[in-house]
Amino acid sequence: MRRAVPIGTVAVFYLIAFGLSWLILIPQAAAARGLIGLQLPAAFGFVSPLAPTLAAIALSLREGGAREVGHLLGRLLQWRAAPRWYLAVLFGFPALAVLALGLAFAVTGRLPDITASYIHNVFPQFPHTLSPWLLVLPFLLFSIVTSIPEEVGWRGYALPRLQERWGAVAASLLVGAFWGLWHLPDFFNPQQAQSGISFPFFITLSVVGSILFTWVFNGTGGSLLMVSTLHSSLNASAVFLPLLPQVTGTQLQLWLFGAVIGVVAVIVAVVRPPSFSRLAPSMSAP
């Protein structure tokens, strides 16, 4: 078992991850609002999520050298998991989103318009005459690629170290809070989906959703591939289904989505199945 890492080291990880990311995100937000005359290349949008990975690699190298870095990045190749985990990762959040839309219909009496989505904001060049559902697979792959650098840091580096000290519940809440806070500059960027969402709601959703990420991470032996796919599935639910206020004109659907995620997270945290309470043995070995 890994020697317990001082909590100050985890704090350094977050300082590096936030600092590097915000050096890009804050100028991007300022430029999008016309506050500065800086035009950053679009490729910088892929650089910012790399910060958690760079911080995790640097500190892993300091803690255990190349072997520790190999252990961290090797989690990206852990694909062996029971079929139920693949079902949960791929369809869990979409199912909760559909449930939220059903609750919204029960409240308002208005059927959700499933043709309305945020995907054209992500891929503005895609013809409006074609079904946006043709973009589900490309978006999932795109989102997994951009989620992996985050998850290497949040769940790959910070979560196991915080779990060793405080257990699964407290570690999940801390990781979720910092995960949500990391996105703060996006709320000032009108080109980002977060700009139309309440920041306190987003933080709350990140905290409760983090419990489900821990459940999947622990239950699949610490697979970063699985939690990155789960991250992508969460993003896809918000992008393809009529949840975001930019699409629906109301916060109701998104708030209900957060509520059902919260209910499931509380059940997981209270019942505490073994797959949540502790990290299962790695499934990557043949």
Protein backbone atom coordinates (compact mmCIF):
# COMPACT_ATOMS: atom_id res chain seq x y z
CA MET A 1 0.00 0.00 0.00
CA ARG A 2 1.25 3.46 -0.89
CA ARG A 3 2.70 5.49 1.95
CA ALA A 4 0.23 8.22 2.94
CA VAL A 5 0.97 11.46 1.11
CA PRO A 6 0.95 14.64 3.22
CA ILE A 7 -2.19 16.66 2.64
CA GLY A 8 0.00 19.61 1.72
CA THR A 9 1.14 17.70 -1.37
CA VAL A 10 -2.46 17.35 -2.55
CA ALA A 11 -2.90 21.08 -1.95
CA VAL A 12 0.15 21.72 -4.14
CA PHE A 13 -1.43 19.56 -6.84
CA TYR A 14 -4.54 21.73 -6.85
CA LEU A 15 -2.52 24.96 -6.84
CA ILE A 16 -0.59 23.84 -9.91
CA ALA A 17 -3.69 22.51 -11.70
CA PHE A 18 -5.70 25.67 -11.04
CA GLY A 19 -2.83 28.04 -11.76
CA LEU A 20 -1.90 26.56 -15.14
CA SER A 21 -5.52 26.23 -16.27
CA TRP A 22 -6.63 29.67 -15.16
CA LEU A 23 -3.67 31.28 -16.92
CA ILE A 24 -5.53 30.22 -20.08
CA LEU A 25 -9.18 30.27 -19.01
CA ILE A 26 -9.21 33.78 -17.52
CA PRO A 27 -7.73 35.50 -20.63
CA GLN A 28 -10.12 33.45 -22.78
CA ALA A 29 -13.11 34.68 -20.77
CA ALA A 30 -11.86 38.27 -20.82
CA ALA A 31 -11.33 38.15 -24.59
CA ALA A 32 -14.78 36.61 -25.17
CA ARG A 33 -16.35 39.51 -23.24
CA GLY A 34 -14.35 42.09 -25.17
CA LEU A 35 -12.37 43.20 -22.14
CA ILE A 36 -9.02 42.57 -23.79
CA GLY A 37 -7.99 42.48 -27.42
CA LEU A 38 -6.36 39.07 -27.20
CA GLN A 39 -7.23 36.34 -29.69
CA LEU A 40 -6.06 32.98 -28.39
CA PRO A 41 -5.83 30.09 -30.87
CA ALA A 42 -8.66 27.56 -30.61
CA ALA A 43 -6.08 24.91 -29.72
CA PHE A 44 -5.67 26.56 -26.32
CA GLY A 45 -9.05 25.08 -25.42
CA PHE A 46 -7.30 21.70 -25.33
CA VAL A 47 -4.33 22.96 -23.33
CA SER A 48 -6.24 24.03 -20.23
CA PRO A 49 -7.57 20.54 -19.32
CA LEU A 50 -3.99 19.24 -19.49
CA ALA A 51 -3.08 21.13 -16.33
CA PRO A 52 -4.46 18.52 -13.87
CA THR A 53 -2.54 15.81 -15.71
CA LEU A 54 0.69 17.80 -15.76
CA ALA A 55 0.35 18.51 -12.05
CA ALA A 56 -0.39 14.85 -11.30
CA ILE A 57 2.57 13.61 -13.34
CA ALA A 58 4.97 16.10 -11.78
CA LEU A 59 4.01 15.20 -8.22
CA SER A 60 3.84 11.47 -8.95
CA LEU A 61 7.36 11.67 -10.34
CA ARG A 62 8.46 13.43 -7.17
CA GLU A 63 6.77 10.83 -4.94
CA GLY A 64 7.76 7.60 -6.65
CA GLY A 65 9.64 8.31 -9.85
CA ALA A 66 8.79 6.77 -13.19
CA ARG A 67 7.17 3.77 -11.51
CA GLU A 68 4.55 5.98 -9.83
CA VAL A 69 3.89 7.84 -13.09
CA GLY A 70 3.48 4.50 -14.87
CA HIS A 71 1.02 3.37 -12.21
CA LEU A 72 -0.98 6.59 -12.65
CA LEU A 73 -1.13 6.55 -16.44
CA GLY A 74 -1.60 2.79 -16.56
CA ARG A 75 -5.07 3.33 -15.10
CA LEU A 76 -6.05 4.75 -18.50
CA LEU A 77 -5.66 1.26 -19.98
CA GLN A 78 -7.84 -0.51 -17.42
CA TRP A 79 -10.79 -1.58 -19.52
CA ARG A 80 -11.72 -4.89 -17.91
CA ALA A 81 -14.87 -4.48 -15.89
CA ALA A 82 -18.14 -6.34 -15.35
CA PRO A 83 -20.82 -5.51 -17.95
CA ARG A 84 -22.89 -3.71 -15.30
CA TRP A 85 -20.18 -1.08 -15.01
CA TYR A 86 -20.27 -0.39 -18.75
CA LEU A 87 -24.05 -0.05 -18.56
CA ALA A 88 -23.74 2.36 -15.62
CA VAL A 89 -21.00 4.40 -17.28
CA LEU A 90 -22.63 4.71 -20.69
CA PHE A 91 -26.31 4.91 -19.81
CA GLY A 92 -26.53 5.97 -16.16
CA PHE A 93 -26.51 9.74 -16.64
CA PRO A 94 -28.63 9.67 -19.84
CA ALA A 95 -31.23 7.58 -17.98
CA LEU A 96 -31.29 10.08 -15.10
CA ALA A 97 -31.60 12.91 -17.64
CA VAL A 98 -34.60 11.24 -19.27
CA LEU A 99 -36.13 10.79 -15.81
CA ALA A 100 -35.62 14.51 -15.14
CA LEU A 101 -37.34 15.37 -18.42
CA GLY A 102 -40.23 13.12 -17.42
CA LEU A 103 -40.53 14.91 -14.10
CA ALA A 104 -40.46 18.27 -15.90
CA PHE A 105 -43.33 17.06 -18.09
CA ALA A 106 -45.26 16.00 -14.99
CA VAL A 107 -44.75 19.47 -13.50
CA THR A 108 -45.42 21.61 -16.58
CA GLY A 109 -47.58 19.39 -18.77
CA ARG A 110 -45.34 20.23 -21.75
CA LEU A 111 -43.58 17.46 -23.67
CA PRO A 112 -39.82 18.06 -23.99
CA ASP A 113 -38.57 18.90 -27.46
CA ILE A 114 -35.93 16.21 -27.98
CA THR A 115 -34.84 17.87 -31.23
CA ALA A 116 -33.58 20.86 -29.22
CA SER A 117 -29.99 20.47 -28.11
CA TYR A 118 -26.81 22.39 -27.41
CA ILE A 119 -24.72 20.38 -29.86
CA HIS A 120 -24.73 23.07 -32.58
CA ASN A 121 -22.97 25.37 -30.11
CA VAL A 122 -20.23 22.75 -29.80
CA PHE A 123 -20.05 21.97 -33.52
CA PRO A 124 -21.41 25.12 -35.21
CA GLN A 125 -20.24 23.93 -38.62
CA PHE A 126 -22.55 20.89 -38.54
CA PRO A 127 -25.52 21.39 -40.93
CA HIS A 128 -28.78 22.18 -39.13
CA THR A 129 -30.65 20.16 -41.76
CA LEU A 130 -29.15 16.91 -40.40
CA SER A 131 -30.12 15.17 -37.18
CA PRO A 132 -27.87 16.21 -34.28
CA TRP A 133 -27.99 12.61 -33.07
CA LEU A 134 -25.54 11.75 -35.84
CA LEU A 135 -22.96 13.50 -33.68
CA VAL A 136 -23.40 11.34 -30.57
CA LEU A 137 -20.42 9.05 -31.22
CA PRO A 138 -18.07 11.84 -32.45
CA PHE A 139 -19.00 13.94 -29.42
CA LEU A 140 -18.44 11.05 -27.00
CA LEU A 141 -14.98 10.44 -28.45
CA PHE A 142 -14.19 14.17 -28.43
CA SER A 143 -15.41 14.49 -24.85
CA ILE A 144 -13.46 11.44 -23.65
CA VAL A 145 -10.27 12.93 -25.11
CA THR A 146 -10.86 16.21 -23.28
CA SER A 147 -12.06 14.50 -20.07
CA ILE A 148 -9.05 12.19 -19.70
CA PRO A 149 -6.62 15.00 -18.76
CA GLU A 150 -9.02 16.17 -16.06
CA GLU A 151 -9.67 12.71 -14.66
CA VAL A 152 -5.96 11.80 -14.48
CA GLY A 153 -5.73 14.63 -11.96
CA TRP A 154 -9.05 14.60 -10.12
CA ARG A 155 -9.67 10.87 -9.80
CA GLY A 156 -6.25 9.47 -10.75
CA TYR A 157 -4.12 11.56 -8.39
CA ALA A 158 -6.20 13.44 -5.80
CA LEU A 159 -8.99 10.97 -5.02
CA PRO A 160 -6.91 7.94 -3.92
CA ARG A 161 -4.75 10.10 -1.66
CA LEU A 162 -7.72 11.83 -0.06
CA GLN A 163 -9.52 8.48 0.37
CA GLU A 164 -6.54 7.09 2.28
CA ARG A 165 -6.86 9.91 4.76
CA TRP A 166 -10.62 10.60 5.03
CA GLY A 167 -12.52 7.81 3.32
CA ALA A 168 -14.69 7.68 0.22
CA VAL A 169 -17.47 10.10 1.20
CA ALA A 170 -15.33 13.00 2.41
CA ALA A 171 -12.83 12.51 -0.41
CA SER A 172 -15.63 12.55 -2.97
CA LEU A 173 -17.04 15.79 -1.58
CA LEU A 174 -13.63 17.49 -1.59
CA VAL A 175 -12.73 16.36 -5.10
CA GLY A 176 -16.17 17.39 -6.33
CA ALA A 177 -15.91 20.85 -4.78
CA PHE A 178 -12.52 21.53 -6.35
CA TRP A 179 -13.66 20.00 -9.64
CA GLY A 180 -16.56 22.45 -9.78
CA LEU A 181 -14.48 25.41 -8.63
CA TRP A 182 -11.90 24.71 -11.33
CA HIS A 183 -14.55 25.67 -13.93
CA LEU A 184 -15.18 29.10 -12.40
CA PRO A 185 -13.65 31.16 -15.26
CA ASP A 186 -16.00 29.45 -17.73
CA PHE A 187 -18.96 31.10 -16.02
CA PHE A 188 -17.65 34.46 -17.23
CA ASN A 189 -17.13 33.23 -20.80
CA PRO A 190 -20.31 33.59 -22.91
CA GLN A 191 -18.97 30.97 -25.32
CA GLN A 192 -19.10 28.27 -22.65
CA ALA A 193 -22.17 26.30 -21.61
CA GLN A 194 -21.51 27.13 -17.96
CA SER A 195 -22.25 30.82 -18.61
CA GLY A 196 -25.98 30.08 -18.59
CA ILE A 197 -25.94 28.04 -15.39
CA SER A 198 -26.05 29.06 -11.73
CA PHE A 199 -22.57 28.65 -10.25
CA PRO A 200 -23.83 27.48 -6.80
CA PHE A 201 -25.95 24.87 -8.59
CA PHE A 202 -22.97 23.75 -10.65
CA ILE A 203 -20.81 23.36 -7.53
CA THR A 204 -23.55 21.36 -5.84
CA LEU A 205 -23.95 19.14 -8.90
CA SER A 206 -20.18 18.58 -9.05
CA VAL A 207 -20.07 17.61 -5.37
CA VAL A 208 -22.94 15.12 -5.45
CA GLY A 209 -21.96 13.80 -8.87
CA SER A 210 -18.45 13.16 -7.59
CA ILE A 211 -19.87 10.48 -5.30
CA LEU A 212 -20.99 8.52 -8.36
CA PHE A 213 -17.58 8.99 -9.97
CA THR A 214 -15.93 7.55 -6.86
CA TRP A 215 -18.35 4.62 -6.92
CA VAL A 216 -17.33 3.81 -10.51
CA PHE A 217 -13.62 4.49 -9.92
CA ASN A 218 -13.44 2.25 -6.87
CA GLY A 219 -15.66 -0.45 -8.31
CA THR A 220 -13.60 -0.78 -11.50
CA GLY A 221 -10.28 -1.03 -9.73
CA GLY A 222 -9.36 2.60 -10.26
CA SER A 223 -9.99 2.70 -14.02
CA LEU A 224 -9.45 6.19 -15.41
CA LEU A 225 -10.82 4.99 -18.74
CA MET A 226 -14.16 4.22 -17.10
CA VAL A 227 -14.48 7.49 -15.17
CA SER A 228 -13.41 9.46 -18.26
CA THR A 229 -16.16 7.74 -20.22
CA LEU A 230 -18.59 8.49 -17.39
CA HIS A 231 -17.50 12.15 -17.56
CA SER A 232 -18.16 12.13 -21.31
CA SER A 233 -21.57 10.54 -20.80
CA LEU A 234 -22.51 13.29 -18.33
CA ASN A 235 -21.42 15.95 -20.83
CA ALA A 236 -23.33 14.26 -23.64
CA SER A 237 -26.52 14.13 -21.56
CA ALA A 238 -26.40 17.89 -21.08
CA VAL A 239 -25.48 18.61 -24.69
CA PHE A 240 -27.88 16.33 -26.57
CA LEU A 241 -30.95 16.39 -24.33
CA PRO A 242 -33.02 19.53 -23.64
CA LEU A 243 -31.56 20.29 -20.23
CA LEU A 244 -29.52 23.48 -20.52
CA PRO A 245 -31.37 26.80 -20.05
CA GLN A 246 -29.81 28.09 -23.29
CA VAL A 247 -31.96 25.46 -25.03
CA THR A 248 -35.07 25.25 -22.85
CA GLY A 249 -35.36 28.86 -21.69
CA THR A 250 -35.76 27.65 -18.11
CA GLN A 251 -33.63 26.16 -15.32
CA LEU A 252 -36.28 23.56 -14.40
CA GLN A 253 -35.00 20.60 -16.40
CA LEU A 254 -31.43 21.12 -15.31
CA TRP A 255 -32.40 21.52 -11.66
CA LEU A 256 -34.44 18.31 -11.81
CA PHE A 257 -31.49 16.53 -13.41
CA GLY A 258 -29.32 17.67 -10.52
CA ALA A 259 -31.97 16.54 -8.05
CA VAL A 260 -32.19 12.98 -9.37
CA ILE A 261 -28.38 12.74 -9.46
CA GLY A 262 -28.36 13.91 -5.85
CA VAL A 263 -30.89 11.27 -4.80
CA VAL A 264 -28.86 8.47 -6.39
CA ALA A 265 -25.64 9.84 -4.87
CA VAL A 266 -27.18 9.94 -1.39
CA ILE A 267 -28.35 6.34 -1.79
CA VAL A 268 -24.83 5.25 -2.78
CA ALA A 269 -23.23 7.20 0.08
CA VAL A 270 -25.71 5.94 2.70
CA VAL A 271 -25.92 2.31 1.61
CA ARG A 272 -22.14 2.30 0.98
CA PRO A 273 -21.74 -0.81 -1.19
CA PRO A 274 -18.24 -2.31 -1.12
CA SER A 275 -17.61 -0.87 -4.60
CA PHE A 276 -17.95 2.62 -3.12
CA SER A 277 -16.36 2.23 0.28
CA ARG A 278 -13.01 0.94 -0.93
CA LEU A 279 -10.92 0.65 -4.07
CA ALA A 280 -11.34 -2.75 -5.69
CA PRO A 281 -8.27 -4.70 -6.87
CA SER A 282 -7.00 -3.62 -10.29
CA MET A 283 -8.66 -5.40 -13.19
CA SER A 284 -5.98 -4.48 -15.68
CA ALA A 285 -3.82 -7.56 -15.09
CA PRO A 286 -4.46 -10.60 -17.31
